[in-house]
Amino acid sequence: MVENCRKSEFQEWMNSNDHLYLSTRGASFTWSNGRRENLKLLKNNLKDLNKIKVAASNTESIQNQISTIGFSDSLMDQEKLAMIEFDKAVKFEE
């Protein structure tokens, strides 16, 4: 009942202000609250942050091995590659 009253009040206002109702085709609404776009952006940002976290963890793990075991050519090469991956991830985020 209240809804019908509001509709008729709105229709009266439309008529009194010389507004015309235009029927729509397609979607039942013409606006967007941006929620889907915001979620896509958030998802992409979280993926980027995860890449940084994984690269940092890999670097830290190799550095811990160096601290525990000592220097070796293999570990130094692994550390260098891990640091390059970390730098790429951080620079990509910027």
PDB file of N, CA and C in Angstrom:
ATOM      1  N   MET A   1       0.822  -1.190   0.000  1.00  0.00           N
ATOM      2  CA  MET A   1       0.000   0.000   0.000  1.00  0.00           C
ATOM      3  C   MET A   1       0.871   1.260   0.000  1.00  0.00           C
ATOM      4  N   VAL A   2       1.871   1.286   0.914  1.00  0.00           N
ATOM      5  CA  VAL A   2       2.758   2.447   0.994  1.00  0.00           C
ATOM      6  C   VAL A   2       3.542   2.600  -0.299  1.00  0.00           C
ATOM      7  N   GLU A   3       3.970   1.470  -0.852  1.00  0.00           N
ATOM      8  CA  GLU A   3       4.746   1.510  -2.087  1.00  0.00           C
ATOM      9  C   GLU A   3       3.914   2.103  -3.224  1.00  0.00           C
ATOM     10  N   ASN A   4       2.651   1.720  -3.324  1.00  0.00           N
ATOM     11  CA  ASN A   4       1.777   2.267  -4.363  1.00  0.00           C
ATOM     12  C   ASN A   4       1.576   3.758  -4.179  1.00  0.00           C
ATOM     13  N   CYS A   5       1.476   4.191  -2.929  1.00  0.00           N
ATOM     14  CA  CYS A   5       1.314   5.616  -2.625  1.00  0.00           C
ATOM     15  C   CYS A   5       2.538   6.387  -3.069  1.00  0.00           C
ATOM     16  N   ARG A   6       3.720   5.861  -2.765  1.00  0.00           N
ATOM     17  CA  ARG A   6       4.963   6.521  -3.163  1.00  0.00           C
ATOM     18  C   ARG A   6       5.092   6.581  -4.672  1.00  0.00           C
ATOM     19  N   LYS A   7       4.708   5.488  -5.343  1.00  0.00           N
ATOM     20  CA  LYS A   7       4.762   5.476  -6.801  1.00  0.00           C
ATOM     21  C   LYS A   7       3.842   6.543  -7.386  1.00  0.00           C
ATOM     22  N   SER A   8       2.634   6.645  -6.843  1.00  0.00           N
ATOM     23  CA  SER A   8       1.691   7.634  -7.374  1.00  0.00           C
ATOM     24  C   SER A   8       2.162   9.054  -7.059  1.00  0.00           C
ATOM     25  N   GLU A   9       2.769   9.271  -5.890  1.00  0.00           N
ATOM     26  CA  GLU A   9       3.318  10.592  -5.568  1.00  0.00           C
ATOM     27  C   GLU A   9       4.449  10.948  -6.525  1.00  0.00           C
ATOM     28  N   PHE A  10       5.275   9.964  -6.808  1.00  0.00           N
ATOM     29  CA  PHE A  10       6.379  10.195  -7.731  1.00  0.00           C
ATOM     30  C   PHE A  10       5.838  10.484  -9.129  1.00  0.00           C
ATOM     31  N   GLN A  11       4.839   9.711  -9.546  1.00  0.00           N
ATOM     32  CA  GLN A  11       4.249   9.932 -10.868  1.00  0.00           C
ATOM     33  C   GLN A  11       3.625  11.326 -10.946  1.00  0.00           C
ATOM     34  N   GLU A  12       2.953  11.750  -9.899  1.00  0.00           N
ATOM     35  CA  GLU A  12       2.371  13.102  -9.864  1.00  0.00           C
ATOM     36  C   GLU A  12       3.465  14.162  -9.965  1.00  0.00           C
ATOM     37  N   TRP A  13       4.548  13.961  -9.247  1.00  0.00           N
ATOM     38  CA  TRP A  13       5.665  14.910  -9.303  1.00  0.00           C
ATOM     39  C   TRP A  13       6.244  14.959 -10.715  1.00  0.00           C
ATOM     40  N   MET A  14       6.429  13.774 -11.337  1.00  0.00           N
ATOM     41  CA  MET A  14       6.942  13.718 -12.703  1.00  0.00           C
ATOM     42  C   MET A  14       6.034  14.505 -13.650  1.00  0.00           C
ATOM     43  N   ASN A  15       4.738  14.271 -13.527  1.00  0.00           N
ATOM     44  CA  ASN A  15       3.785  14.950 -14.412  1.00  0.00           C
ATOM     45  C   ASN A  15       3.764  16.453 -14.166  1.00  0.00           C
ATOM     46  N   SER A  16       3.789  16.858 -12.921  1.00  0.00           N
ATOM     47  CA  SER A  16       3.716  18.291 -12.609  1.00  0.00           C
ATOM     48  C   SER A  16       4.972  19.050 -13.021  1.00  0.00           C
ATOM     49  N   ASN A  17       6.069  18.350 -13.164  1.00  0.00           N
ATOM     50  CA  ASN A  17       7.321  18.986 -13.586  1.00  0.00           C
ATOM     51  C   ASN A  17       7.664  18.696 -15.045  1.00  0.00           C
ATOM     52  N   ASP A  18       6.646  18.233 -15.774  1.00  0.00           N
ATOM     53  CA  ASP A  18       6.800  17.954 -17.207  1.00  0.00           C
ATOM     54  C   ASP A  18       7.925  16.973 -17.529  1.00  0.00           C
ATOM     55  N   HIS A  19       8.084  15.983 -16.669  1.00  0.00           N
ATOM     56  CA  HIS A  19       9.057  14.924 -16.939  1.00  0.00           C
ATOM     57  C   HIS A  19       8.333  13.749 -17.584  1.00  0.00           C
ATOM     58  N   LEU A  20       9.004  13.085 -18.482  1.00  0.00           N
ATOM     59  CA  LEU A  20       8.426  11.931 -19.151  1.00  0.00           C
ATOM     60  C   LEU A  20       9.116  10.665 -18.680  1.00  0.00           C
ATOM     61  N   TYR A  21       8.337   9.625 -18.555  1.00  0.00           N
ATOM     62  CA  TYR A  21       8.909   8.325 -18.224  1.00  0.00           C
ATOM     63  C   TYR A  21       9.397   7.693 -19.515  1.00  0.00           C
ATOM     64  N   LEU A  22      10.646   7.299 -19.536  1.00  0.00           N
ATOM     65  CA  LEU A  22      11.201   6.618 -20.689  1.00  0.00           C
ATOM     66  C   LEU A  22      11.360   5.145 -20.336  1.00  0.00           C
ATOM     67  N   SER A  23      10.735   4.311 -21.126  1.00  0.00           N
ATOM     68  CA  SER A  23      10.865   2.882 -20.846  1.00  0.00           C
ATOM     69  C   SER A  23      12.292   2.441 -21.148  1.00  0.00           C
ATOM     70  N   THR A  24      12.715   1.421 -20.446  1.00  0.00           N
ATOM     71  CA  THR A  24      14.092   0.965 -20.583  1.00  0.00           C
ATOM     72  C   THR A  24      14.130  -0.365 -21.310  1.00  0.00           C
ATOM     73  N   ARG A  25      15.285  -0.625 -21.898  1.00  0.00           N
ATOM     74  CA  ARG A  25      15.539  -1.907 -22.530  1.00  0.00           C
ATOM     75  C   ARG A  25      16.821  -2.455 -21.939  1.00  0.00           C
ATOM     76  N   GLY A  26      16.923  -3.753 -21.874  1.00  0.00           N
ATOM     77  CA  GLY A  26      18.163  -4.350 -21.366  1.00  0.00           C
ATOM     78  C   GLY A  26      18.163  -4.437 -19.858  1.00  0.00           C
ATOM     79  N   ALA A  27      19.250  -3.955 -19.255  1.00  0.00           N
ATOM     80  CA  ALA A  27      19.417  -4.048 -17.804  1.00  0.00           C
ATOM     81  C   ALA A  27      18.322  -3.271 -17.086  1.00  0.00           C
ATOM     82  N   SER A  28      17.974  -3.755 -15.914  1.00  0.00           N
ATOM     83  CA  SER A  28      16.918  -3.102 -15.149  1.00  0.00           C
ATOM     84  C   SER A  28      17.434  -1.898 -14.359  1.00  0.00           C
ATOM     85  N   PHE A  29      18.734  -1.641 -14.408  1.00  0.00           N
ATOM     86  CA  PHE A  29      19.293  -0.458 -13.764  1.00  0.00           C
ATOM     87  C   PHE A  29      20.409   0.090 -14.635  1.00  0.00           C
ATOM     88  N   THR A  30      20.723   1.348 -14.436  1.00  0.00           N
ATOM     89  CA  THR A  30      21.722   1.995 -15.292  1.00  0.00           C
ATOM     90  C   THR A  30      22.889   2.556 -14.504  1.00  0.00           C
ATOM     91  N   TRP A  31      23.035   2.140 -13.282  1.00  0.00           N
ATOM     92  CA  TRP A  31      24.119   2.632 -12.452  1.00  0.00           C
ATOM     93  C   TRP A  31      24.986   1.471 -11.980  1.00  0.00           C
ATOM     94  N   SER A  32      26.105   1.810 -11.431  1.00  0.00           N
ATOM     95  CA  SER A  32      27.003   0.814 -10.855  1.00  0.00           C
ATOM     96  C   SER A  32      27.618   1.404  -9.602  1.00  0.00           C
ATOM     97  N   ASN A  33      27.661   0.620  -8.555  1.00  0.00           N
ATOM     98  CA  ASN A  33      28.287   1.113  -7.326  1.00  0.00           C
ATOM     99  C   ASN A  33      29.785   0.854  -7.327  1.00  0.00           C
ATOM    100  N   GLY A  34      30.306   0.282  -8.426  1.00  0.00           N
ATOM    101  CA  GLY A  34      31.740   0.059  -8.542  1.00  0.00           C
ATOM    102  C   GLY A  34      32.251  -1.127  -7.759  1.00  0.00           C
ATOM    103  N   ARG A  35      31.364  -1.869  -7.142  1.00  0.00           N
ATOM    104  CA  ARG A  35      31.789  -2.970  -6.280  1.00  0.00           C
ATOM    105  C   ARG A  35      32.617  -4.001  -7.044  1.00  0.00           C
ATOM    106  N   ARG A  36      32.161  -4.394  -8.223  1.00  0.00           N
ATOM    107  CA  ARG A  36      32.877  -5.417  -8.996  1.00  0.00           C
ATOM    108  C   ARG A  36      34.262  -4.912  -9.384  1.00  0.00           C
ATOM    109  N   GLU A  37      34.338  -3.661  -9.833  1.00  0.00           N
ATOM    110  CA  GLU A  37      35.628  -3.094 -10.209  1.00  0.00           C
ATOM    111  C   GLU A  37      36.561  -2.994  -9.004  1.00  0.00           C
ATOM    112  N   ASN A  38      36.008  -2.623  -7.861  1.00  0.00           N
ATOM    113  CA  ASN A  38      36.815  -2.535  -6.638  1.00  0.00           C
ATOM    114  C   ASN A  38      37.340  -3.899  -6.226  1.00  0.00           C
ATOM    115  N   LEU A  39      36.521  -4.923  -6.375  1.00  0.00           N
ATOM    116  CA  LEU A  39      36.957  -6.270  -6.010  1.00  0.00           C
ATOM    117  C   LEU A  39      38.047  -6.766  -6.954  1.00  0.00           C
ATOM    118  N   LYS A  40      37.928  -6.445  -8.241  1.00  0.00           N
ATOM    119  CA  LYS A  40      38.972  -6.840  -9.193  1.00  0.00           C
ATOM    120  C   LYS A  40      40.288  -6.148  -8.844  1.00  0.00           C
ATOM    121  N   LEU A  41      40.211  -4.865  -8.528  1.00  0.00           N
ATOM    122  CA  LEU A  41      41.405  -4.111  -8.166  1.00  0.00           C
ATOM    123  C   LEU A  41      42.026  -4.683  -6.893  1.00  0.00           C
ATOM    124  N   LEU A  42      41.212  -4.984  -5.909  1.00  0.00           N
ATOM    125  CA  LEU A  42      41.701  -5.571  -4.665  1.00  0.00           C
ATOM    126  C   LEU A  42      42.369  -6.919  -4.921  1.00  0.00           C
ATOM    127  N   LYS A  43      41.744  -7.738  -5.756  1.00  0.00           N
ATOM    128  CA  LYS A  43      42.307  -9.049  -6.071  1.00  0.00           C
ATOM    129  C   LYS A  43      43.688  -8.910  -6.713  1.00  0.00           C
ATOM    130  N   ASN A  44      43.810  -7.986  -7.665  1.00  0.00           N
ATOM    131  CA  ASN A  44      45.100  -7.774  -8.322  1.00  0.00           C
ATOM    132  C   ASN A  44      46.151  -7.267  -7.336  1.00  0.00           C
ATOM    133  N   ASN A  45      45.754  -6.355  -6.463  1.00  0.00           N
ATOM    134  CA  ASN A  45      46.696  -5.839  -5.463  1.00  0.00           C
ATOM    135  C   ASN A  45      47.150  -6.929  -4.505  1.00  0.00           C
ATOM    136  N   LEU A  46      46.230  -7.798  -4.108  1.00  0.00           N
ATOM    137  CA  LEU A  46      46.594  -8.896  -3.214  1.00  0.00           C
ATOM    138  C   LEU A  46      47.541  -9.881  -3.894  1.00  0.00           C
ATOM    139  N   LYS A  47      47.326 -10.122  -5.187  1.00  0.00           N
ATOM    140  CA  LYS A  47      48.248 -10.991  -5.928  1.00  0.00           C
ATOM    141  C   LYS A  47      49.648 -10.388  -5.942  1.00  0.00           C
ATOM    142  N   ASP A  48      49.730  -9.069  -6.192  1.00  0.00           N
ATOM    143  CA  ASP A  48      51.026  -8.394  -6.218  1.00  0.00           C
ATOM    144  C   ASP A  48      51.712  -8.460  -4.861  1.00  0.00           C
ATOM    145  N   LEU A  49      50.944  -8.216  -3.796  1.00  0.00           N
ATOM    146  CA  LEU A  49      51.520  -8.284  -2.451  1.00  0.00           C
ATOM    147  C   LEU A  49      51.976  -9.690  -2.112  1.00  0.00           C
ATOM    148  N   ASN A  50      51.247 -10.685  -2.588  1.00  0.00           N
ATOM    149  CA  ASN A  50      51.644 -12.066  -2.340  1.00  0.00           C
ATOM    150  C   ASN A  50      52.958 -12.386  -3.047  1.00  0.00           C
ATOM    151  N   LYS A  51      53.150 -11.853  -4.251  1.00  0.00           N
ATOM    152  CA  LYS A  51      54.412 -12.062  -4.965  1.00  0.00           C
ATOM    153  C   LYS A  51      55.574 -11.489  -4.169  1.00  0.00           C
ATOM    154  N   ILE A  52      55.370 -10.312  -3.575  1.00  0.00           N
ATOM    155  CA  ILE A  52      56.412  -9.689  -2.752  1.00  0.00           C
ATOM    156  C   ILE A  52      56.697 -10.552  -1.528  1.00  0.00           C
ATOM    157  N   LYS A  53      55.616 -11.022  -0.899  1.00  0.00           N
ATOM    158  CA  LYS A  53      55.774 -11.850   0.312  1.00  0.00           C
ATOM    159  C   LYS A  53      56.535 -13.135   0.002  1.00  0.00           C
ATOM    160  N   VAL A  54      56.210 -13.797  -1.099  1.00  0.00           N
ATOM    161  CA  VAL A  54      56.884 -15.047  -1.474  1.00  0.00           C
ATOM    162  C   VAL A  54      58.352 -14.771  -1.787  1.00  0.00           C
ATOM    163  N   ALA A  55      58.622 -13.704  -2.547  1.00  0.00           N
ATOM    164  CA  ALA A  55      60.008 -13.369  -2.898  1.00  0.00           C
ATOM    165  C   ALA A  55      60.817 -13.034  -1.650  1.00  0.00           C
ATOM    166  N   ALA A  56      60.231 -12.296  -0.711  1.00  0.00           N
ATOM    167  CA  ALA A  56      60.925 -11.958   0.532  1.00  0.00           C
ATOM    168  C   ALA A  56      61.193 -13.209   1.362  1.00  0.00           C
ATOM    169  N   SER A  57      60.223 -14.106   1.412  1.00  0.00           N
ATOM    170  CA  SER A  57      60.390 -15.352   2.168  1.00  0.00           C
ATOM    171  C   SER A  57      61.498 -16.219   1.573  1.00  0.00           C
ATOM    172  N   ASN A  58      61.534 -16.301   0.237  1.00  0.00           N
ATOM    173  CA  ASN A  58      62.592 -17.082  -0.417  1.00  0.00           C
ATOM    174  C   ASN A  58      63.966 -16.489  -0.120  1.00  0.00           C
ATOM    175  N   THR A  59      64.078 -15.175  -0.209  1.00  0.00           N
ATOM    176  CA  THR A  59      65.352 -14.508   0.079  1.00  0.00           C
ATOM    177  C   THR A  59      65.773 -14.750   1.519  1.00  0.00           C
ATOM    178  N   GLU A  60      64.832 -14.597   2.437  1.00  0.00           N
ATOM    179  CA  GLU A  60      65.129 -14.797   3.854  1.00  0.00           C
ATOM    180  C   GLU A  60      65.566 -16.239   4.138  1.00  0.00           C
ATOM    181  N   SER A  61      64.900 -17.194   3.509  1.00  0.00           N
ATOM    182  CA  SER A  61      65.246 -18.598   3.702  1.00  0.00           C
ATOM    183  C   SER A  61      66.675 -18.886   3.244  1.00  0.00           C
ATOM    184  N   ILE A  62      67.048 -18.360   2.095  1.00  0.00           N
ATOM    185  CA  ILE A  62      68.409 -18.564   1.584  1.00  0.00           C
ATOM    186  C   ILE A  62      69.421 -17.871   2.487  1.00  0.00           C
ATOM    187  N   GLN A  63      69.093 -16.672   2.948  1.00  0.00           N
ATOM    188  CA  GLN A  63      70.006 -15.958   3.839  1.00  0.00           C
ATOM    189  C   GLN A  63      70.169 -16.688   5.166  1.00  0.00           C
ATOM    190  N   ASN A  64      69.122 -17.308   5.659  1.00  0.00           N
ATOM    191  CA  ASN A  64      69.222 -18.113   6.880  1.00  0.00           C
ATOM    192  C   ASN A  64      70.134 -19.321   6.669  1.00  0.00           C
ATOM    193  N   GLN A  65      70.034 -19.938   5.494  1.00  0.00           N
ATOM    194  CA  GLN A  65      70.924 -21.060   5.181  1.00  0.00           C
ATOM    195  C   GLN A  65      72.381 -20.599   5.153  1.00  0.00           C
ATOM    196  N   ILE A  66      72.612 -19.423   4.576  1.00  0.00           N
ATOM    197  CA  ILE A  66      73.976 -18.883   4.533  1.00  0.00           C
ATOM    198  C   ILE A  66      74.486 -18.648   5.955  1.00  0.00           C
ATOM    199  N   SER A  67      73.623 -18.116   6.821  1.00  0.00           N
ATOM    200  CA  SER A  67      74.020 -17.864   8.216  1.00  0.00           C
ATOM    201  C   SER A  67      74.312 -19.165   8.952  1.00  0.00           C
ATOM    202  N   THR A  68      73.524 -20.183   8.682  1.00  0.00           N
ATOM    203  CA  THR A  68      73.667 -21.457   9.377  1.00  0.00           C
ATOM    204  C   THR A  68      74.816 -22.300   8.819  1.00  0.00           C
ATOM    205  N   ILE A  69      74.821 -22.472   7.520  1.00  0.00           N
ATOM    206  CA  ILE A  69      75.782 -23.373   6.871  1.00  0.00           C
ATOM    207  C   ILE A  69      77.091 -22.656   6.525  1.00  0.00           C
ATOM    208  N   GLY A  70      76.945 -21.416   6.143  1.00  0.00           N
ATOM    209  CA  GLY A  70      78.101 -20.659   5.679  1.00  0.00           C
ATOM    210  C   GLY A  70      78.003 -20.394   4.184  1.00  0.00           C
ATOM    211  N   PHE A  71      78.936 -19.617   3.696  1.00  0.00           N
ATOM    212  CA  PHE A  71      78.929 -19.231   2.284  1.00  0.00           C
ATOM    213  C   PHE A  71      79.252 -20.415   1.384  1.00  0.00           C
ATOM    214  N   SER A  72      78.560 -20.459   0.263  1.00  0.00           N
ATOM    215  CA  SER A  72      78.904 -21.386  -0.816  1.00  0.00           C
ATOM    216  C   SER A  72      78.507 -20.697  -2.121  1.00  0.00           C
ATOM    217  N   ASP A  73      79.155 -21.076  -3.177  1.00  0.00           N
ATOM    218  CA  ASP A  73      78.837 -20.462  -4.473  1.00  0.00           C
ATOM    219  C   ASP A  73      77.371 -20.682  -4.839  1.00  0.00           C
ATOM    220  N   SER A  74      76.873 -21.881  -4.561  1.00  0.00           N
ATOM    221  CA  SER A  74      75.490 -22.206  -4.886  1.00  0.00           C
ATOM    222  C   SER A  74      74.510 -21.320  -4.110  1.00  0.00           C
ATOM    223  N   LEU A  75      74.718 -21.189  -2.806  1.00  0.00           N
ATOM    224  CA  LEU A  75      73.829 -20.349  -1.993  1.00  0.00           C
ATOM    225  C   LEU A  75      73.934 -18.877  -2.389  1.00  0.00           C
ATOM    226  N   MET A  76      75.130 -18.436  -2.705  1.00  0.00           N
ATOM    227  CA  MET A  76      75.295 -17.038  -3.122  1.00  0.00           C
ATOM    228  C   MET A  76      74.563 -16.779  -4.437  1.00  0.00           C
ATOM    229  N   ASP A  77      74.626 -17.728  -5.367  1.00  0.00           N
ATOM    230  CA  ASP A  77      73.888 -17.602  -6.633  1.00  0.00           C
ATOM    231  C   ASP A  77      72.378 -17.607  -6.386  1.00  0.00           C
ATOM    232  N   GLN A  78      71.933 -18.496  -5.496  1.00  0.00           N
ATOM    233  CA  GLN A  78      70.511 -18.558  -5.162  1.00  0.00           C
ATOM    234  C   GLN A  78      70.041 -17.253  -4.514  1.00  0.00           C
ATOM    235  N   GLU A  79      70.878 -16.716  -3.631  1.00  0.00           N
ATOM    236  CA  GLU A  79      70.524 -15.461  -2.968  1.00  0.00           C
ATOM    237  C   GLU A  79      70.425 -14.338  -3.996  1.00  0.00           C
ATOM    238  N   LYS A  80      71.372 -14.281  -4.903  1.00  0.00           N
ATOM    239  CA  LYS A  80      71.365 -13.239  -5.928  1.00  0.00           C
ATOM    240  C   LYS A  80      70.078 -13.318  -6.761  1.00  0.00           C
ATOM    241  N   LEU A  81      69.713 -14.523  -7.198  1.00  0.00           N
ATOM    242  CA  LEU A  81      68.485 -14.702  -7.981  1.00  0.00           C
ATOM    243  C   LEU A  81      67.239 -14.347  -7.170  1.00  0.00           C
ATOM    244  N   ALA A  82      67.231 -14.744  -5.907  1.00  0.00           N
ATOM    245  CA  ALA A  82      66.083 -14.446  -5.040  1.00  0.00           C
ATOM    246  C   ALA A  82      65.943 -12.940  -4.837  1.00  0.00           C
ATOM    247  N   MET A  83      67.052 -12.247  -4.682  1.00  0.00           N
ATOM    248  CA  MET A  83      67.007 -10.790  -4.492  1.00  0.00           C
ATOM    249  C   MET A  83      66.556 -10.091  -5.778  1.00  0.00           C
ATOM    250  N   ILE A  84      66.939 -10.620  -6.921  1.00  0.00           N
ATOM    251  CA  ILE A  84      66.476 -10.061  -8.199  1.00  0.00           C
ATOM    252  C   ILE A  84      64.957 -10.213  -8.308  1.00  0.00           C
ATOM    253  N   GLU A  85      64.443 -11.397  -7.954  1.00  0.00           N
ATOM    254  CA  GLU A  85      62.999 -11.632  -7.986  1.00  0.00           C
ATOM    255  C   GLU A  85      62.267 -10.709  -7.006  1.00  0.00           C
ATOM    256  N   PHE A  86      62.858 -10.510  -5.834  1.00  0.00           N
ATOM    257  CA  PHE A  86      62.264  -9.598  -4.851  1.00  0.00           C
ATOM    258  C   PHE A  86      62.219  -8.174  -5.402  1.00  0.00           C
ATOM    259  N   ASP A  87      63.320  -7.721  -5.979  1.00  0.00           N
ATOM    260  CA  ASP A  87      63.361  -6.373  -6.561  1.00  0.00           C
ATOM    261  C   ASP A  87      62.324  -6.210  -7.669  1.00  0.00           C
ATOM    262  N   LYS A  88      62.173  -7.229  -8.506  1.00  0.00           N
ATOM    263  CA  LYS A  88      61.161  -7.177  -9.578  1.00  0.00           C
ATOM    264  C   LYS A  88      59.769  -7.047  -8.994  1.00  0.00           C
ATOM    265  N   ALA A  89      59.490  -7.832  -7.952  1.00  0.00           N
ATOM    266  CA  ALA A  89      58.164  -7.808  -7.335  1.00  0.00           C
ATOM    267  C   ALA A  89      57.874  -6.459  -6.710  1.00  0.00           C
ATOM    268  N   VAL A  90      58.868  -5.882  -6.035  1.00  0.00           N
ATOM    269  CA  VAL A  90      58.674  -4.579  -5.379  1.00  0.00           C
ATOM    270  C   VAL A  90      58.535  -3.473  -6.431  1.00  0.00           C
ATOM    271  N   LYS A  91      59.348  -3.505  -7.458  1.00  0.00           N
ATOM    272  CA  LYS A  91      59.269  -2.478  -8.496  1.00  0.00           C
ATOM    273  C   LYS A  91      57.976  -2.579  -9.271  1.00  0.00           C
ATOM    274  N   PHE A  92      57.466  -3.790  -9.462  1.00  0.00           N
ATOM    275  CA  PHE A  92      56.192  -3.978 -10.148  1.00  0.00           C
ATOM    276  C   PHE A  92      55.071  -3.368  -9.331  1.00  0.00           C
ATOM    277  N   GLU A  93      55.166  -3.486  -8.011  1.00  0.00           N
ATOM    278  CA  GLU A  93      54.139  -2.939  -7.114  1.00  0.00           C
ATOM    279  C   GLU A  93      54.110  -1.424  -7.180  1.00  0.00           C
ATOM    280  N   GLU A  94      55.249  -0.788  -7.347  1.00  0.00           N
ATOM    281  CA  GLU A  94      55.315   0.670  -7.401  1.00  0.00           C
ATOM    282  C   GLU A  94      54.613   1.143  -8.627  1.00  0.00           C
TER     283      GLU A  94
END
